[in-house]
PDB file of N, CA and C in Angstrom:
ATOM      1  N   MET A   1       8.032  69.458  72.934  1.00  0.00           N
ATOM      2  CA  MET A   1       7.548  68.610  72.116  1.00  0.00           C
ATOM      3  C   MET A   1       6.355  68.641  71.880  1.00  0.00           C
ATOM      4  N   THR A   2       5.951  68.143  70.685  1.00  0.00           N
ATOM      5  CA  THR A   2       4.436  67.978  70.037  1.00  0.00           C
ATOM      6  C   THR A   2       4.173  66.397  69.772  1.00  0.00           C
ATOM      7  N   VAL A   3       3.255  65.570  70.696  1.00  0.00           N
ATOM      8  CA  VAL A   3       3.144  64.371  70.147  1.00  0.00           C
ATOM      9  C   VAL A   3       1.626  64.396  69.336  1.00  0.00           C
ATOM     10  N   TYR A   4       1.602  63.618  68.349  1.00  0.00           N
ATOM     11  CA  TYR A   4       0.362  63.558  67.861  1.00  0.00           C
ATOM     12  C   TYR A   4      -0.278  62.064  68.393  1.00  0.00           C
ATOM     13  N   CYS A   5      -1.346  62.177  68.487  1.00  0.00           N
ATOM     14  CA  CYS A   5      -1.835  60.837  68.988  1.00  0.00           C
ATOM     15  C   CYS A   5      -3.570  60.323  68.101  1.00  0.00           C
ATOM     16  N   GLY A   6      -3.365  59.521  67.824  1.00  0.00           N
ATOM     17  CA  GLY A   6      -3.956  58.939  66.742  1.00  0.00           C
ATOM     18  C   GLY A   6      -5.120  57.523  66.935  1.00  0.00           C
ATOM     19  N   ASN A   7      -5.916  57.649  66.583  1.00  0.00           N
ATOM     20  CA  ASN A   7      -6.947  56.474  66.807  1.00  0.00           C
ATOM     21  C   ASN A   7      -7.302  56.484  68.274  1.00  0.00           C
ATOM     22  N   LEU A   8      -7.722  57.595  68.667  1.00  0.00           N
ATOM     23  CA  LEU A   8      -8.574  58.006  69.722  1.00  0.00           C
ATOM     24  C   LEU A   8      -9.840  57.739  69.782  1.00  0.00           C
ATOM     25  N   CYS A   9     -10.670  57.154  70.954  1.00  0.00           N
ATOM     26  CA  CYS A   9     -11.866  56.961  71.023  1.00  0.00           C
ATOM     27  C   CYS A   9     -12.601  58.537  70.676  1.00  0.00           C
ATOM     28  N   TYR A  10     -13.986  58.338  69.910  1.00  0.00           N
ATOM     29  CA  TYR A  10     -14.691  59.628  69.286  1.00  0.00           C
ATOM     30  C   TYR A  10     -15.142  60.216  70.404  1.00  0.00           C
ATOM     31  N   GLU A  11     -15.429  59.775  71.601  1.00  0.00           N
ATOM     32  CA  GLU A  11     -15.697  60.498  72.752  1.00  0.00           C
ATOM     33  C   GLU A  11     -14.740  60.870  73.473  1.00  0.00           C
ATOM     34  N   MET A  12     -13.516  60.446  73.385  1.00  0.00           N
ATOM     35  CA  MET A  12     -12.348  61.055  74.191  1.00  0.00           C
ATOM     36  C   MET A  12     -12.156  62.589  74.619  1.00  0.00           C
ATOM     37  N   THR A  13     -12.112  62.916  75.754  1.00  0.00           N
ATOM     38  CA  THR A  13     -11.922  64.307  75.793  1.00  0.00           C
ATOM     39  C   THR A  13     -10.485  64.964  75.958  1.00  0.00           C
ATOM     40  N   GLU A  14     -10.319  65.991  76.223  1.00  0.00           N
ATOM     41  CA  GLU A  14      -8.802  66.775  76.049  1.00  0.00           C
ATOM     42  C   GLU A  14      -8.645  66.315  77.781  1.00  0.00           C
ATOM     43  N   ALA A  15      -9.382  66.656  78.600  1.00  0.00           N
ATOM     44  CA  ALA A  15      -9.154  66.315  80.018  1.00  0.00           C
ATOM     45  C   ALA A  15      -8.694  65.064  80.394  1.00  0.00           C
ATOM     46  N   GLU A  16      -9.163  64.063  79.578  1.00  0.00           N
ATOM     47  CA  GLU A  16      -8.829  62.651  79.920  1.00  0.00           C
ATOM     48  C   GLU A  16      -7.698  62.422  79.231  1.00  0.00           C
ATOM     49  N   LEU A  17      -7.257  62.636  77.755  1.00  0.00           N
ATOM     50  CA  LEU A  17      -5.991  62.513  77.409  1.00  0.00           C
ATOM     51  C   LEU A  17      -5.131  63.295  78.064  1.00  0.00           C
ATOM     52  N   ARG A  18      -4.838  64.472  78.356  1.00  0.00           N
ATOM     53  CA  ARG A  18      -4.233  65.310  79.564  1.00  0.00           C
ATOM     54  C   ARG A  18      -3.504  64.083  80.638  1.00  0.00           C
ATOM     55  N   LYS A  19      -4.690  63.888  81.342  1.00  0.00           N
ATOM     56  CA  LYS A  19      -4.449  63.075  82.279  1.00  0.00           C
ATOM     57  C   LYS A  19      -3.441  61.742  82.304  1.00  0.00           C
ATOM     58  N   VAL A  20      -3.558  61.264  80.950  1.00  0.00           N
ATOM     59  CA  VAL A  20      -3.027  59.960  80.620  1.00  0.00           C
ATOM     60  C   VAL A  20      -1.444  60.398  80.248  1.00  0.00           C
ATOM     61  N   PHE A  21      -1.223  61.750  79.838  1.00  0.00           N
ATOM     62  CA  PHE A  21       0.101  62.128  79.544  1.00  0.00           C
ATOM     63  C   PHE A  21       0.796  62.561  80.599  1.00  0.00           C
ATOM     64  N   GLU A  22       0.049  63.004  81.527  1.00  0.00           N
ATOM     65  CA  GLU A  22       0.569  63.867  82.923  1.00  0.00           C
ATOM     66  C   GLU A  22       1.392  62.658  83.731  1.00  0.00           C
ATOM     67  N   ALA A  23       0.984  61.435  83.460  1.00  0.00           N
ATOM     68  CA  ALA A  23       1.699  60.185  84.404  1.00  0.00           C
ATOM     69  C   ALA A  23       2.913  60.479  83.984  1.00  0.00           C
ATOM     70  N   TYR A  24       3.402  60.966  82.764  1.00  0.00           N
ATOM     71  CA  TYR A  24       4.818  60.899  82.200  1.00  0.00           C
ATOM     72  C   TYR A  24       5.665  62.305  82.364  1.00  0.00           C
ATOM     73  N   GLY A  25       4.967  63.493  82.616  1.00  0.00           N
ATOM     74  CA  GLY A  25       5.415  64.494  82.857  1.00  0.00           C
ATOM     75  C   GLY A  25       4.561  65.803  82.786  1.00  0.00           C
ATOM     76  N   LYS A  26       4.772  66.883  82.353  1.00  0.00           N
ATOM     77  CA  LYS A  26       4.470  68.203  82.184  1.00  0.00           C
ATOM     78  C   LYS A  26       3.851  68.186  81.197  1.00  0.00           C
ATOM     79  N   VAL A  27       2.267  68.565  80.983  1.00  0.00           N
ATOM     80  CA  VAL A  27       1.683  68.811  79.763  1.00  0.00           C
ATOM     81  C   VAL A  27       1.120  70.403  79.621  1.00  0.00           C
ATOM     82  N   GLU A  28       1.725  70.986  78.663  1.00  0.00           N
ATOM     83  CA  GLU A  28       1.427  72.654  78.298  1.00  0.00           C
ATOM     84  C   GLU A  28       0.111  72.512  77.953  1.00  0.00           C
ATOM     85  N   SER A  29      -0.397  71.788  76.643  1.00  0.00           N
ATOM     86  CA  SER A  29      -1.648  71.789  76.003  1.00  0.00           C
ATOM     87  C   SER A  29      -2.199  70.513  75.362  1.00  0.00           C
ATOM     88  N   VAL A  30      -3.645  70.548  75.324  1.00  0.00           N
ATOM     89  CA  VAL A  30      -4.259  69.152  74.690  1.00  0.00           C
ATOM     90  C   VAL A  30      -4.966  69.697  73.678  1.00  0.00           C
ATOM     91  N   ARG A  31      -4.848  69.231  72.625  1.00  0.00           N
ATOM     92  CA  ARG A  31      -6.061  69.662  71.515  1.00  0.00           C
ATOM     93  C   ARG A  31      -6.472  68.198  70.648  1.00  0.00           C
ATOM     94  N   ILE A  32      -7.593  68.288  70.973  1.00  0.00           N
ATOM     95  CA  ILE A  32      -8.405  67.307  70.388  1.00  0.00           C
ATOM     96  C   ILE A  32      -9.370  67.649  69.030  1.00  0.00           C
ATOM     97  N   LEU A  33      -9.074  67.336  67.773  1.00  0.00           N
ATOM     98  CA  LEU A  33      -9.835  67.919  66.752  1.00  0.00           C
ATOM     99  C   LEU A  33     -11.073  67.343  66.935  1.00  0.00           C
ATOM    100  N   PRO A  34     -12.644  68.190  66.949  1.00  0.00           N
ATOM    101  CA  PRO A  34     -13.671  68.089  66.522  1.00  0.00           C
ATOM    102  C   PRO A  34     -13.949  67.622  65.458  1.00  0.00           C
ATOM    103  N   SER A  35     -15.221  66.773  65.461  1.00  0.00           N
ATOM    104  CA  SER A  35     -15.629  66.251  64.072  1.00  0.00           C
ATOM    105  C   SER A  35     -16.325  67.113  63.451  1.00  0.00           C
ATOM    106  N   LYS A  36     -16.162  67.498  62.037  1.00  0.00           N
ATOM    107  CA  LYS A  36     -17.026  68.466  61.092  1.00  0.00           C
ATOM    108  C   LYS A  36     -18.309  68.304  60.884  1.00  0.00           C
ATOM    109  N   TYR A  37     -18.590  66.651  61.295  1.00  0.00           N
ATOM    110  CA  TYR A  37     -19.835  65.964  60.745  1.00  0.00           C
ATOM    111  C   TYR A  37     -21.081  65.448  61.809  1.00  0.00           C
ATOM    112  N   ASN A  38     -20.255  65.150  63.081  1.00  0.00           N
ATOM    113  CA  ASN A  38     -20.875  64.334  64.093  1.00  0.00           C
ATOM    114  C   ASN A  38     -20.558  65.598  65.551  1.00  0.00           C
ATOM    115  N   GLU A  39     -21.745  66.237  65.887  1.00  0.00           N
ATOM    116  CA  GLU A  39     -21.843  67.124  66.909  1.00  0.00           C
ATOM    117  C   GLU A  39     -21.292  66.463  68.090  1.00  0.00           C
ATOM    118  N   GLY A  40     -20.292  66.520  69.124  1.00  0.00           N
ATOM    119  CA  GLY A  40     -20.401  65.903  70.337  1.00  0.00           C
ATOM    120  C   GLY A  40     -19.021  64.932  70.236  1.00  0.00           C
ATOM    121  N   GLN A  41     -18.485  64.493  69.259  1.00  0.00           N
ATOM    122  CA  GLN A  41     -17.503  63.681  68.911  1.00  0.00           C
ATOM    123  C   GLN A  41     -16.428  64.421  67.974  1.00  0.00           C
ATOM    124  N   ASN A  42     -15.030  63.752  68.286  1.00  0.00           N
ATOM    125  CA  ASN A  42     -14.082  64.386  67.769  1.00  0.00           C
ATOM    126  C   ASN A  42     -13.649  63.692  66.314  1.00  0.00           C
ATOM    127  N   ARG A  43     -12.333  63.774  65.466  1.00  0.00           N
ATOM    128  CA  ARG A  43     -12.141  63.442  64.421  1.00  0.00           C
ATOM    129  C   ARG A  43     -10.964  62.199  64.657  1.00  0.00           C
ATOM    130  N   GLY A  44     -10.782  61.705  66.020  1.00  0.00           N
ATOM    131  CA  GLY A  44     -10.332  60.358  66.503  1.00  0.00           C
ATOM    132  C   GLY A  44      -8.568  61.054  66.559  1.00  0.00           C
ATOM    133  N   PHE A  45      -8.098  62.086  66.529  1.00  0.00           N
ATOM    134  CA  PHE A  45      -6.542  62.207  66.630  1.00  0.00           C
ATOM    135  C   PHE A  45      -6.607  63.763  67.416  1.00  0.00           C
ATOM    136  N   GLY A  46      -5.520  64.030  67.887  1.00  0.00           N
ATOM    137  CA  GLY A  46      -5.131  65.271  68.119  1.00  0.00           C
ATOM    138  C   GLY A  46      -3.755  65.196  68.789  1.00  0.00           C
ATOM    139  N   PHE A  47      -3.288  66.373  69.268  1.00  0.00           N
ATOM    140  CA  PHE A  47      -1.753  66.896  69.631  1.00  0.00           C
ATOM    141  C   PHE A  47      -1.656  66.815  71.341  1.00  0.00           C
ATOM    142  N   VAL A  48      -0.692  66.477  71.574  1.00  0.00           N
ATOM    143  CA  VAL A  48      -0.404  66.802  73.302  1.00  0.00           C
ATOM    144  C   VAL A  48       1.108  67.442  73.041  1.00  0.00           C
ATOM    145  N   ASP A  49       1.033  68.769  74.013  1.00  0.00           N
ATOM    146  CA  ASP A  49       2.388  69.440  73.715  1.00  0.00           C
ATOM    147  C   ASP A  49       2.776  69.305  75.213  1.00  0.00           C
ATOM    148  N   MET A  50       4.064  68.707  75.152  1.00  0.00           N
ATOM    149  CA  MET A  50       4.782  68.329  76.497  1.00  0.00           C
ATOM    150  C   MET A  50       6.239  69.445  76.544  1.00  0.00           C
ATOM    151  N   PRO A  51       6.522  70.157  77.310  1.00  0.00           N
ATOM    152  CA  PRO A  51       7.424  71.071  77.370  1.00  0.00           C
ATOM    153  C   PRO A  51       9.058  70.159  77.018  1.00  0.00           C
ATOM    154  N   GLU A  52       9.059  69.035  77.863  1.00  0.00           N
ATOM    155  CA  GLU A  52      10.224  68.442  78.003  1.00  0.00           C
ATOM    156  C   GLU A  52      10.539  67.231  77.296  1.00  0.00           C
ATOM    157  N   GLU A  53      11.286  67.322  76.190  1.00  0.00           N
ATOM    158  CA  GLU A  53      11.449  66.034  75.102  1.00  0.00           C
ATOM    159  C   GLU A  53      11.501  65.127  75.564  1.00  0.00           C
ATOM    160  N   LYS A  54      12.517  64.685  76.543  1.00  0.00           N
ATOM    161  CA  LYS A  54      12.666  63.554  77.221  1.00  0.00           C
ATOM    162  C   LYS A  54      11.182  62.979  77.988  1.00  0.00           C
ATOM    163  N   GLU A  55      10.568  63.884  78.670  1.00  0.00           N
ATOM    164  CA  GLU A  55       9.171  62.944  79.193  1.00  0.00           C
ATOM    165  C   GLU A  55       8.074  62.763  77.880  1.00  0.00           C
ATOM    166  N   ALA A  56       8.131  63.734  76.834  1.00  0.00           N
ATOM    167  CA  ALA A  56       7.624  63.469  75.755  1.00  0.00           C
ATOM    168  C   ALA A  56       7.820  62.048  75.177  1.00  0.00           C
ATOM    169  N   ILE A  57       8.994  61.847  74.837  1.00  0.00           N
ATOM    170  CA  ILE A  57       9.349  60.683  74.455  1.00  0.00           C
ATOM    171  C   ILE A  57       9.008  59.133  75.363  1.00  0.00           C
ATOM    172  N   GLN A  58       9.774  59.352  76.560  1.00  0.00           N
ATOM    173  CA  GLN A  58       8.883  58.341  77.495  1.00  0.00           C
ATOM    174  C   GLN A  58       7.399  58.055  77.189  1.00  0.00           C
ATOM    175  N   ALA A  59       6.501  59.118  77.317  1.00  0.00           N
ATOM    176  CA  ALA A  59       5.078  59.185  77.222  1.00  0.00           C
ATOM    177  C   ALA A  59       4.694  58.128  75.707  1.00  0.00           C
ATOM    178  N   ILE A  60       5.724  58.551  74.674  1.00  0.00           N
ATOM    179  CA  ILE A  60       5.754  58.075  73.362  1.00  0.00           C
ATOM    180  C   ILE A  60       5.613  56.122  73.622  1.00  0.00           C
ATOM    181  N   ARG A  61       6.648  56.204  73.707  1.00  0.00           N
ATOM    182  CA  ARG A  61       7.351  54.873  74.393  1.00  0.00           C
ATOM    183  C   ARG A  61       6.442  54.026  75.089  1.00  0.00           C
ATOM    184  N   ALA A  62       5.946  54.499  75.849  1.00  0.00           N
ATOM    185  CA  ALA A  62       4.826  53.931  76.805  1.00  0.00           C
ATOM    186  C   ALA A  62       3.615  53.687  76.483  1.00  0.00           C
ATOM    187  N   LEU A  63       2.834  54.894  75.550  1.00  0.00           N
ATOM    188  CA  LEU A  63       1.425  54.975  75.170  1.00  0.00           C
ATOM    189  C   LEU A  63       1.294  54.418  73.691  1.00  0.00           C
ATOM    190  N   ASN A  64       2.190  54.528  72.716  1.00  0.00           N
ATOM    191  CA  ASN A  64       1.997  54.055  71.372  1.00  0.00           C
ATOM    192  C   ASN A  64       1.609  52.616  71.188  1.00  0.00           C
ATOM    193  N   GLY A  65       0.438  52.178  70.889  1.00  0.00           N
ATOM    194  CA  GLY A  65       0.098  50.968  70.705  1.00  0.00           C
ATOM    195  C   GLY A  65      -0.688  50.508  72.027  1.00  0.00           C
ATOM    196  N   SER A  66      -0.982  51.052  73.046  1.00  0.00           N
ATOM    197  CA  SER A  66      -1.520  50.574  74.110  1.00  0.00           C
ATOM    198  C   SER A  66      -3.074  50.846  73.977  1.00  0.00           C
ATOM    199  N   GLU A  67      -3.518  50.425  74.946  1.00  0.00           N
ATOM    200  CA  GLU A  67      -4.964  50.120  74.739  1.00  0.00           C
ATOM    201  C   GLU A  67      -5.613  51.412  75.587  1.00  0.00           C
ATOM    202  N   LEU A  68      -6.618  52.568  74.825  1.00  0.00           N
ATOM    203  CA  LEU A  68      -7.370  53.416  75.934  1.00  0.00           C
ATOM    204  C   LEU A  68      -8.765  53.733  75.513  1.00  0.00           C
ATOM    205  N   ARG A  69      -9.508  53.465  76.355  1.00  0.00           N
ATOM    206  CA  ARG A  69     -10.898  53.626  76.016  1.00  0.00           C
ATOM    207  C   ARG A  69     -11.297  52.526  74.794  1.00  0.00           C
ATOM    208  N   GLY A  70     -10.710  51.318  74.707  1.00  0.00           N
ATOM    209  CA  GLY A  70     -11.079  50.143  73.939  1.00  0.00           C
ATOM    210  C   GLY A  70     -10.319  50.696  72.605  1.00  0.00           C
ATOM    211  N   ARG A  71      -9.388  51.162  72.372  1.00  0.00           N
ATOM    212  CA  ARG A  71      -8.939  51.664  70.882  1.00  0.00           C
ATOM    213  C   ARG A  71      -7.320  51.473  71.276  1.00  0.00           C
ATOM    214  N   ARG A  72      -6.904  50.723  70.293  1.00  0.00           N
ATOM    215  CA  ARG A  72      -5.081  50.841  70.575  1.00  0.00           C
ATOM    216  C   ARG A  72      -4.615  52.183  69.675  1.00  0.00           C
ATOM    217  N   ILE A  73      -3.996  52.910  70.686  1.00  0.00           N
ATOM    218  CA  ILE A  73      -3.895  54.261  70.146  1.00  0.00           C
ATOM    219  C   ILE A  73      -2.486  54.267  69.502  1.00  0.00           C
ATOM    220  N   ARG A  74      -2.494  55.196  68.708  1.00  0.00           N
ATOM    221  CA  ARG A  74      -0.873  55.474  68.210  1.00  0.00           C
ATOM    222  C   ARG A  74      -0.613  56.684  68.732  1.00  0.00           C
ATOM    223  N   CYS A  75       1.087  57.012  69.092  1.00  0.00           N
ATOM    224  CA  CYS A  75       1.905  58.201  69.540  1.00  0.00           C
ATOM    225  C   CYS A  75       3.065  58.160  69.145  1.00  0.00           C
ATOM    226  N   ASN A  76       3.266  59.585  68.010  1.00  0.00           N
ATOM    227  CA  ASN A  76       4.631  59.646  67.773  1.00  0.00           C
ATOM    228  C   ASN A  76       4.758  61.378  67.660  1.00  0.00           C
ATOM    229  N   PRO A  77       6.037  61.897  67.468  1.00  0.00           N
ATOM    230  CA  PRO A  77       6.155  62.859  67.165  1.00  0.00           C
ATOM    231  C   PRO A  77       5.705  63.535  66.212  1.00  0.00           C
ATOM    232  N   ALA A  78       5.121  64.769  66.436  1.00  0.00           N
ATOM    233  CA  ALA A  78       4.240  65.437  65.365  1.00  0.00           C
ATOM    234  C   ALA A  78       4.875  66.200  64.348  1.00  0.00           C
ATOM    235  N   GLU A  79       4.532  65.703  63.208  1.00  0.00           N
ATOM    236  CA  GLU A  79       5.400  66.520  62.133  1.00  0.00           C
ATOM    237  C   GLU A  79       4.945  67.756  62.064  1.00  0.00           C
ATOM    238  N   LYS A  80       5.574  68.778  61.790  1.00  0.00           N
ATOM    239  CA  LYS A  80       5.493  70.481  62.326  1.00  0.00           C
ATOM    240  C   LYS A  80       4.492  70.774  61.205  1.00  0.00           C
ATOM    241  N   SER A  81       4.376  70.188  59.844  1.00  0.00           N
ATOM    242  CA  SER A  81       3.135  71.089  59.130  1.00  0.00           C
ATOM    243  C   SER A  81       1.770  70.314  59.492  1.00  0.00           C
ATOM    244  N   GLU A  82       1.955  69.142  59.633  1.00  0.00           N
ATOM    245  CA  GLU A  82       0.468  68.310  60.306  1.00  0.00           C
ATOM    246  C   GLU A  82       0.160  68.964  61.917  1.00  0.00           C
ATOM    247  N   HIS A  83       0.736  69.275  62.593  1.00  0.00           N
ATOM    248  CA  HIS A  83       0.461  70.258  63.668  1.00  0.00           C
ATOM    249  C   HIS A  83      -0.205  71.542  63.309  1.00  0.00           C
ATOM    250  N   GLN A  84       0.919  72.189  62.444  1.00  0.00           N
ATOM    251  CA  GLN A  84       0.247  73.898  62.188  1.00  0.00           C
ATOM    252  C   GLN A  84      -0.828  73.768  61.576  1.00  0.00           C
ATOM    253  N   ARG A  85      -1.308  72.592  60.534  1.00  0.00           N
ATOM    254  CA  ARG A  85      -2.711  72.554  60.062  1.00  0.00           C
ATOM    255  C   ARG A  85      -3.787  72.867  60.724  1.00  0.00           C
ATOM    256  N   SER A  86      -3.622  71.820  61.998  1.00  0.00           N
ATOM    257  CA  SER A  86      -4.668  71.755  62.819  1.00  0.00           C
ATOM    258  C   SER A  86      -4.940  73.004  63.966  1.00  0.00           C
ATOM    259  N   ASN A  87      -3.909  73.780  63.807  1.00  0.00           N
ATOM    260  CA  ASN A  87      -4.227  74.990  64.386  1.00  0.00           C
ATOM    261  C   ASN A  87      -4.485  76.158  63.662  1.00  0.00           C
ATOM    262  N   GLY A  88      -4.779  75.744  62.232  1.00  0.00           N
ATOM    263  CA  GLY A  88      -5.411  76.954  61.221  1.00  0.00           C
ATOM    264  C   GLY A  88      -4.088  77.521  60.626  1.00  0.00           C
ATOM    265  N   HIS A  89      -2.744  76.996  60.863  1.00  0.00           N
ATOM    266  CA  HIS A  89      -1.545  77.872  59.986  1.00  0.00           C
ATOM    267  C   HIS A  89      -1.185  76.602  59.166  1.00  0.00           C
ATOM    268  N   GLY A  90      -0.669  77.195  57.871  1.00  0.00           N
ATOM    269  CA  GLY A  90       0.050  76.332  56.977  1.00  0.00           C
ATOM    270  C   GLY A  90      -0.917  76.114  55.742  1.00  0.00           C
TER     271      GLY A  90
END
């Protein structure tokens, strides 16, 4: 299952986000989209792929609305078209 993560700190790294989600299960991949305008910053959102839907849902329930690096993050199942666009598809 792919999880959308929004309102991330602009300095958040993929390694940091992976560590947060690994507390809830196996993480296959993490992708935080880079800013087009500010080098070294991200766009404030990304995607986490977890192979076990049960673990992904548990992570969403635990993390949605929680504070991470000073920001209240949003986590929910990614819409297929949204995730495809971030990977250059669709």
